[in-house]
Every structure is written in structure tokens, then in C-alpha cells.
Amino acid sequence: MIRSHMLPLAGALVLAAVAGSTSVGAAGSLAEKQALAKAVAILKGDPYGDTPAAVAANITERRLMPRRDSVCGGGATPVWAFRVVIPEPVNNPDSPIDGWLVIDASSGRTVCATLPFLD
């Protein structure tokens, strides 16, 4: 039971909870695990790995950032950037891979990549 002198506090708590959930929902950014799953799906296959675990093992960094701070450049749209490193690719061990896959933080679609075989 909320007493009348507690109503302002109760109202403030409800507003804070709604504001917190709204701001997270409004941002619409994929959680790290969701973004990683999208990146793995994009990368799956030669030379990045044939299984989700193999692909994930080649991702050495994950960053949520404004697009302008990524290798793509551009505006303030949030993106997830994944650094992919493969020192000795199976089919071409003399050509190491070290680059970035950048995906839109809301949709998970590719924004740009500095990796071979990705457009």
C-alpha cells in the first residue's frame, strides 16, 4: 500500500523505470551477443571458418561505436565493429588476414568491411 506522502517517490520511480527502458529500446542497438551472431553469419565460410565457433575464434575485438569512429567513417549512427585476424588462412597461409567487419547496430547489416571476399 502506497501512502499519500510516498506518491511523489513512487511516481518518480515509475518514471525512471519507463525512461530507462524507453531509452534502451529507442536506441535499438543489438546486444553484443546478437551482433556477434550477425557477424558470424556474415563471415561463415572460407576463409573465416566453417562453423560458428571457428568464425568466432577469429574475431579478436568487438566494439560498439559511432560510425565516424570506425574504418567506414561517416555520421553518428551506431555500429558494431569486429576485428578479424587469421594469421595463416587454410587455403592461403602466406596471406594473413587482419581487417574489420562493421555492421549496423540496429539491423545487423554490413556497413563496410576491410576483409577479403566481403563487399
N, C-alpha and C. Protein backbone atom coordinates (compact mmCIF):
# COMPACT_ATOMS: atom_id res chain seq x y z
N MET A 1 0.84 -1.17 0.00
CA MET A 1 0.00 0.00 0.00
C MET A 1 0.88 1.24 0.00
N ILE A 2 0.63 2.16 -0.92
CA ILE A 2 1.42 3.39 -1.01
C ILE A 2 0.69 4.48 -0.25
N ARG A 3 1.35 5.07 0.68
CA ARG A 3 0.76 6.16 1.47
C ARG A 3 0.88 7.45 0.65
N SER A 4 -0.01 8.40 0.93
CA SER A 4 -0.07 9.62 0.12
C SER A 4 1.25 10.39 0.13
N HIS A 5 2.00 10.37 1.25
CA HIS A 5 3.27 11.09 1.27
C HIS A 5 4.35 10.38 0.45
N MET A 6 4.08 9.14 0.05
CA MET A 6 5.04 8.38 -0.76
C MET A 6 4.73 8.47 -2.25
N LEU A 7 3.60 9.05 -2.63
CA LEU A 7 3.23 9.10 -4.05
C LEU A 7 4.26 9.80 -4.92
N PRO A 8 4.81 10.94 -4.53
CA PRO A 8 5.82 11.55 -5.40
C PRO A 8 7.02 10.62 -5.64
N LEU A 9 7.46 9.92 -4.61
CA LEU A 9 8.58 8.99 -4.77
C LEU A 9 8.19 7.83 -5.68
N ALA A 10 7.01 7.27 -5.45
CA ALA A 10 6.55 6.15 -6.28
C ALA A 10 6.44 6.59 -7.74
N GLY A 11 5.89 7.79 -7.98
CA GLY A 11 5.78 8.29 -9.35
C GLY A 11 7.13 8.49 -9.99
N ALA A 12 8.08 9.00 -9.22
CA ALA A 12 9.43 9.22 -9.74
C ALA A 12 10.08 7.90 -10.11
N LEU A 13 9.87 6.87 -9.29
CA LEU A 13 10.46 5.56 -9.58
C LEU A 13 9.87 4.96 -10.85
N VAL A 14 8.57 5.10 -11.02
CA VAL A 14 7.93 4.59 -12.23
C VAL A 14 8.45 5.33 -13.46
N LEU A 15 8.55 6.65 -13.37
CA LEU A 15 9.07 7.43 -14.50
C LEU A 15 10.50 7.06 -14.82
N ALA A 16 11.30 6.85 -13.80
CA ALA A 16 12.70 6.46 -14.03
C ALA A 16 12.77 5.10 -14.72
N ALA A 17 11.93 4.17 -14.30
CA ALA A 17 11.93 2.84 -14.91
C ALA A 17 11.49 2.91 -16.36
N VAL A 18 10.44 3.69 -16.64
CA VAL A 18 9.97 3.83 -18.01
C VAL A 18 11.00 4.54 -18.87
N ALA A 19 11.60 5.59 -18.36
CA ALA A 19 12.61 6.33 -19.11
C ALA A 19 13.80 5.44 -19.42
N GLY A 20 14.22 4.65 -18.45
CA GLY A 20 15.35 3.75 -18.68
C GLY A 20 15.05 2.72 -19.74
N SER A 21 13.86 2.12 -19.69
CA SER A 21 13.54 1.11 -20.67
C SER A 21 13.29 1.73 -22.04
N THR A 22 12.74 2.94 -22.07
CA THR A 22 12.49 3.60 -23.34
C THR A 22 13.78 3.98 -24.03
N SER A 23 14.75 4.49 -23.27
CA SER A 23 15.99 4.91 -23.91
C SER A 23 16.74 3.73 -24.49
N VAL A 24 16.70 2.59 -23.81
CA VAL A 24 17.36 1.41 -24.34
C VAL A 24 16.63 0.93 -25.59
N GLY A 25 15.31 0.89 -25.52
CA GLY A 25 14.53 0.46 -26.67
C GLY A 25 14.63 1.43 -27.82
N ALA A 26 14.70 2.72 -27.53
CA ALA A 26 14.77 3.72 -28.58
C ALA A 26 16.09 3.63 -29.33
N ALA A 27 17.15 3.31 -28.61
CA ALA A 27 18.44 3.19 -29.25
C ALA A 27 18.41 2.07 -30.28
N GLY A 28 17.72 0.98 -29.96
CA GLY A 28 17.55 -0.11 -30.90
C GLY A 28 18.82 -0.86 -31.24
N SER A 29 19.85 -0.71 -30.44
CA SER A 29 21.10 -1.40 -30.74
C SER A 29 21.02 -2.86 -30.35
N LEU A 30 21.60 -3.69 -31.20
CA LEU A 30 21.70 -5.10 -30.89
C LEU A 30 22.62 -5.29 -29.69
N ALA A 31 22.29 -6.22 -28.83
CA ALA A 31 23.18 -6.59 -27.74
C ALA A 31 24.43 -7.23 -28.35
N GLU A 32 25.49 -7.28 -27.57
CA GLU A 32 26.75 -7.81 -28.08
C GLU A 32 26.60 -9.22 -28.64
N LYS A 33 25.89 -10.09 -27.93
CA LYS A 33 25.71 -11.47 -28.40
C LYS A 33 24.94 -11.52 -29.71
N GLN A 34 23.92 -10.67 -29.84
CA GLN A 34 23.14 -10.62 -31.07
C GLN A 34 24.00 -10.11 -32.22
N ALA A 35 24.77 -9.08 -31.97
CA ALA A 35 25.64 -8.52 -33.01
C ALA A 35 26.70 -9.53 -33.43
N LEU A 36 27.25 -10.25 -32.46
CA LEU A 36 28.25 -11.27 -32.78
C LEU A 36 27.63 -12.36 -33.65
N ALA A 37 26.42 -12.78 -33.33
CA ALA A 37 25.75 -13.80 -34.14
C ALA A 37 25.55 -13.32 -35.58
N LYS A 38 25.19 -12.05 -35.75
CA LYS A 38 25.03 -11.49 -37.10
C LYS A 38 26.38 -11.47 -37.83
N ALA A 39 27.43 -11.06 -37.13
CA ALA A 39 28.77 -11.01 -37.74
C ALA A 39 29.22 -12.41 -38.14
N VAL A 40 29.01 -13.37 -37.28
CA VAL A 40 29.41 -14.76 -37.57
C VAL A 40 28.67 -15.26 -38.81
N ALA A 41 27.38 -14.96 -38.90
CA ALA A 41 26.60 -15.40 -40.06
C ALA A 41 27.13 -14.78 -41.35
N ILE A 42 27.54 -13.53 -41.28
CA ILE A 42 28.10 -12.84 -42.46
C ILE A 42 29.43 -13.47 -42.87
N LEU A 43 30.24 -13.80 -41.88
CA LEU A 43 31.60 -14.28 -42.15
C LEU A 43 31.69 -15.78 -42.43
N LYS A 44 30.71 -16.55 -42.04
CA LYS A 44 30.79 -18.02 -42.11
C LYS A 44 31.14 -18.49 -43.51
N GLY A 45 32.15 -19.32 -43.59
CA GLY A 45 32.63 -19.85 -44.86
C GLY A 45 34.11 -19.57 -45.01
N ASP A 46 34.68 -20.10 -46.08
CA ASP A 46 36.11 -19.94 -46.35
C ASP A 46 36.40 -18.47 -46.64
N PRO A 47 37.37 -17.87 -46.07
CA PRO A 47 38.45 -18.36 -45.21
C PRO A 47 38.20 -18.13 -43.70
N TYR A 48 37.00 -17.67 -43.34
CA TYR A 48 36.77 -17.22 -41.96
C TYR A 48 36.37 -18.33 -40.99
N GLY A 49 35.93 -19.45 -41.50
CA GLY A 49 35.57 -20.59 -40.66
C GLY A 49 34.28 -21.22 -41.13
N ASP A 50 34.20 -22.53 -40.98
CA ASP A 50 33.03 -23.27 -41.45
C ASP A 50 31.98 -23.49 -40.37
N THR A 51 32.34 -23.23 -39.12
CA THR A 51 31.38 -23.37 -38.02
C THR A 51 31.31 -22.04 -37.26
N PRO A 52 30.21 -21.80 -36.58
CA PRO A 52 30.13 -20.56 -35.79
C PRO A 52 31.27 -20.43 -34.79
N ALA A 53 31.68 -21.53 -34.18
CA ALA A 53 32.78 -21.48 -33.20
C ALA A 53 34.10 -21.11 -33.87
N ALA A 54 34.34 -21.65 -35.06
CA ALA A 54 35.57 -21.33 -35.78
C ALA A 54 35.61 -19.87 -36.19
N VAL A 55 34.49 -19.35 -36.66
CA VAL A 55 34.43 -17.94 -37.05
C VAL A 55 34.64 -17.06 -35.83
N ALA A 56 33.93 -17.35 -34.75
CA ALA A 56 34.04 -16.55 -33.52
C ALA A 56 35.46 -16.55 -32.98
N ALA A 57 36.17 -17.65 -33.15
CA ALA A 57 37.56 -17.74 -32.67
C ALA A 57 38.48 -16.78 -33.42
N ASN A 58 38.10 -16.38 -34.63
CA ASN A 58 38.91 -15.46 -35.43
C ASN A 58 38.56 -13.99 -35.19
N ILE A 59 37.53 -13.74 -34.39
CA ILE A 59 37.15 -12.36 -34.06
C ILE A 59 37.88 -11.98 -32.78
N THR A 60 38.79 -11.03 -32.91
CA THR A 60 39.65 -10.69 -31.78
C THR A 60 39.23 -9.44 -31.02
N GLU A 61 38.39 -8.60 -31.63
CA GLU A 61 37.91 -7.39 -30.96
C GLU A 61 36.47 -7.13 -31.37
N ARG A 62 35.71 -6.56 -30.43
CA ARG A 62 34.32 -6.16 -30.66
C ARG A 62 34.13 -4.78 -30.06
N ARG A 63 33.56 -3.88 -30.85
CA ARG A 63 33.36 -2.51 -30.35
C ARG A 63 32.04 -1.95 -30.84
N LEU A 64 31.29 -1.33 -29.93
CA LEU A 64 30.11 -0.56 -30.29
C LEU A 64 30.54 0.89 -30.31
N MET A 65 30.32 1.56 -31.44
CA MET A 65 30.83 2.93 -31.60
C MET A 65 30.03 3.69 -32.63
N PRO A 66 30.22 5.01 -32.68
CA PRO A 66 29.62 5.77 -33.78
C PRO A 66 30.33 5.40 -35.09
N ARG A 67 29.59 5.38 -36.16
CA ARG A 67 30.16 5.01 -37.46
C ARG A 67 31.40 5.84 -37.79
N ARG A 68 31.39 7.12 -37.44
CA ARG A 68 32.52 8.00 -37.78
C ARG A 68 33.84 7.53 -37.16
N ASP A 69 33.75 6.77 -36.05
CA ASP A 69 34.96 6.28 -35.38
C ASP A 69 35.41 4.93 -35.90
N SER A 70 34.67 4.35 -36.83
CA SER A 70 35.03 3.05 -37.40
C SER A 70 35.84 3.24 -38.68
N VAL A 71 36.26 2.14 -39.28
CA VAL A 71 37.00 2.20 -40.54
C VAL A 71 36.13 2.72 -41.69
N CYS A 72 34.81 2.71 -41.50
CA CYS A 72 33.89 3.18 -42.54
C CYS A 72 33.82 4.70 -42.62
N GLY A 73 33.99 5.34 -41.47
CA GLY A 73 33.77 6.78 -41.42
C GLY A 73 32.29 7.08 -41.58
N GLY A 74 31.94 8.34 -41.49
CA GLY A 74 30.54 8.72 -41.66
C GLY A 74 29.98 9.38 -40.42
N GLY A 75 28.69 9.30 -40.26
CA GLY A 75 27.98 10.00 -39.20
C GLY A 75 28.04 9.34 -37.84
N ALA A 76 27.02 9.65 -37.06
CA ALA A 76 26.96 9.21 -35.67
C ALA A 76 26.16 7.92 -35.48
N THR A 77 25.67 7.33 -36.56
CA THR A 77 24.90 6.09 -36.46
C THR A 77 25.71 5.04 -35.72
N PRO A 78 25.12 4.36 -34.73
CA PRO A 78 25.88 3.34 -34.00
C PRO A 78 26.14 2.10 -34.86
N VAL A 79 27.34 1.59 -34.75
CA VAL A 79 27.74 0.37 -35.47
C VAL A 79 28.50 -0.54 -34.51
N TRP A 80 28.48 -1.81 -34.84
CA TRP A 80 29.35 -2.77 -34.17
C TRP A 80 30.51 -3.04 -35.12
N ALA A 81 31.74 -2.96 -34.61
CA ALA A 81 32.93 -3.24 -35.41
C ALA A 81 33.60 -4.48 -34.84
N PHE A 82 33.93 -5.41 -35.72
CA PHE A 82 34.56 -6.68 -35.34
C PHE A 82 35.88 -6.81 -36.08
N ARG A 83 36.95 -6.96 -35.31
CA ARG A 83 38.26 -7.18 -35.93
C ARG A 83 38.44 -8.68 -36.12
N VAL A 84 38.83 -9.05 -37.33
CA VAL A 84 39.01 -10.45 -37.69
C VAL A 84 40.48 -10.66 -38.04
N VAL A 85 41.10 -11.62 -37.34
CA VAL A 85 42.52 -11.91 -37.58
C VAL A 85 42.67 -13.41 -37.83
N ILE A 86 43.27 -13.73 -38.98
CA ILE A 86 43.60 -15.12 -39.32
C ILE A 86 45.05 -15.10 -39.79
N PRO A 87 45.99 -15.49 -38.91
CA PRO A 87 47.41 -15.40 -39.25
C PRO A 87 47.81 -16.25 -40.46
N GLU A 88 47.24 -17.45 -40.58
CA GLU A 88 47.57 -18.35 -41.69
C GLU A 88 46.30 -19.00 -42.23
N PRO A 89 45.60 -18.33 -43.13
CA PRO A 89 44.40 -18.94 -43.70
C PRO A 89 44.71 -20.30 -44.34
N VAL A 90 43.79 -21.24 -44.17
CA VAL A 90 44.00 -22.62 -44.63
C VAL A 90 44.38 -22.69 -46.11
N ASN A 91 43.65 -22.00 -46.96
CA ASN A 91 43.89 -22.09 -48.40
C ASN A 91 44.96 -21.14 -48.92
N ASN A 92 45.45 -20.25 -48.07
CA ASN A 92 46.48 -19.30 -48.49
C ASN A 92 47.30 -18.87 -47.27
N PRO A 93 48.09 -19.78 -46.71
CA PRO A 93 48.80 -19.49 -45.46
C PRO A 93 49.81 -18.34 -45.54
N ASP A 94 50.21 -17.96 -46.75
CA ASP A 94 51.17 -16.87 -46.90
C ASP A 94 50.50 -15.49 -46.96
N SER A 95 49.17 -15.44 -46.86
CA SER A 95 48.44 -14.18 -46.92
C SER A 95 47.56 -14.01 -45.67
N PRO A 96 48.16 -13.54 -44.58
CA PRO A 96 47.36 -13.36 -43.36
C PRO A 96 46.23 -12.35 -43.57
N ILE A 97 45.18 -12.55 -42.81
CA ILE A 97 44.01 -11.66 -42.87
C ILE A 97 43.94 -10.89 -41.55
N ASP A 98 43.79 -9.59 -41.65
CA ASP A 98 43.64 -8.74 -40.48
C ASP A 98 42.83 -7.53 -40.92
N GLY A 99 41.55 -7.53 -40.57
CA GLY A 99 40.68 -6.43 -41.01
C GLY A 99 39.44 -6.33 -40.15
N TRP A 100 38.52 -5.50 -40.58
CA TRP A 100 37.32 -5.18 -39.81
C TRP A 100 36.06 -5.47 -40.60
N LEU A 101 35.06 -5.99 -39.90
CA LEU A 101 33.69 -6.08 -40.39
C LEU A 101 32.89 -5.12 -39.54
N VAL A 102 32.19 -4.19 -40.18
CA VAL A 102 31.38 -3.21 -39.46
C VAL A 102 29.93 -3.42 -39.87
N ILE A 103 29.07 -3.61 -38.85
CA ILE A 103 27.66 -3.82 -39.11
C ILE A 103 26.82 -2.75 -38.42
N ASP A 104 25.67 -2.47 -38.99
CA ASP A 104 24.74 -1.52 -38.39
C ASP A 104 24.28 -2.07 -37.04
N ALA A 105 24.31 -1.25 -36.01
CA ALA A 105 23.99 -1.72 -34.66
C ALA A 105 22.50 -2.02 -34.48
N SER A 106 21.66 -1.53 -35.38
CA SER A 106 20.22 -1.80 -35.28
C SER A 106 19.80 -3.01 -36.10
N SER A 107 20.24 -3.06 -37.34
CA SER A 107 19.78 -4.11 -38.26
C SER A 107 20.73 -5.30 -38.35
N GLY A 108 22.01 -5.09 -38.06
CA GLY A 108 22.99 -6.16 -38.23
C GLY A 108 23.48 -6.31 -39.65
N ARG A 109 23.10 -5.40 -40.52
CA ARG A 109 23.54 -5.47 -41.91
C ARG A 109 24.93 -4.87 -42.06
N THR A 110 25.68 -5.39 -43.02
CA THR A 110 27.03 -4.92 -43.27
C THR A 110 27.01 -3.45 -43.68
N VAL A 111 27.87 -2.66 -43.02
CA VAL A 111 28.07 -1.26 -43.39
C VAL A 111 29.29 -1.17 -44.30
N CYS A 112 30.39 -1.78 -43.87
CA CYS A 112 31.58 -1.87 -44.70
C CYS A 112 32.50 -2.95 -44.11
N ALA A 113 33.51 -3.32 -44.86
CA ALA A 113 34.47 -4.30 -44.38
C ALA A 113 35.81 -4.05 -45.05
N THR A 114 36.86 -4.32 -44.29
CA THR A 114 38.22 -4.25 -44.84
C THR A 114 38.80 -5.66 -44.85
N LEU A 115 37.98 -6.59 -45.32
CA LEU A 115 38.34 -8.02 -45.34
C LEU A 115 38.16 -8.55 -46.75
N PRO A 116 39.00 -9.53 -47.14
CA PRO A 116 38.83 -10.12 -48.46
C PRO A 116 37.52 -10.89 -48.57
N PHE A 117 36.96 -10.90 -49.75
CA PHE A 117 35.74 -11.65 -50.11
C PHE A 117 34.47 -11.06 -49.54
N LEU A 118 34.53 -9.86 -48.97
CA LEU A 118 33.32 -9.19 -48.50
C LEU A 118 33.19 -7.86 -49.21
N ASP A 119 31.99 -7.55 -49.62
CA ASP A 119 31.75 -6.28 -50.33
C ASP A 119 31.20 -5.26 -49.37
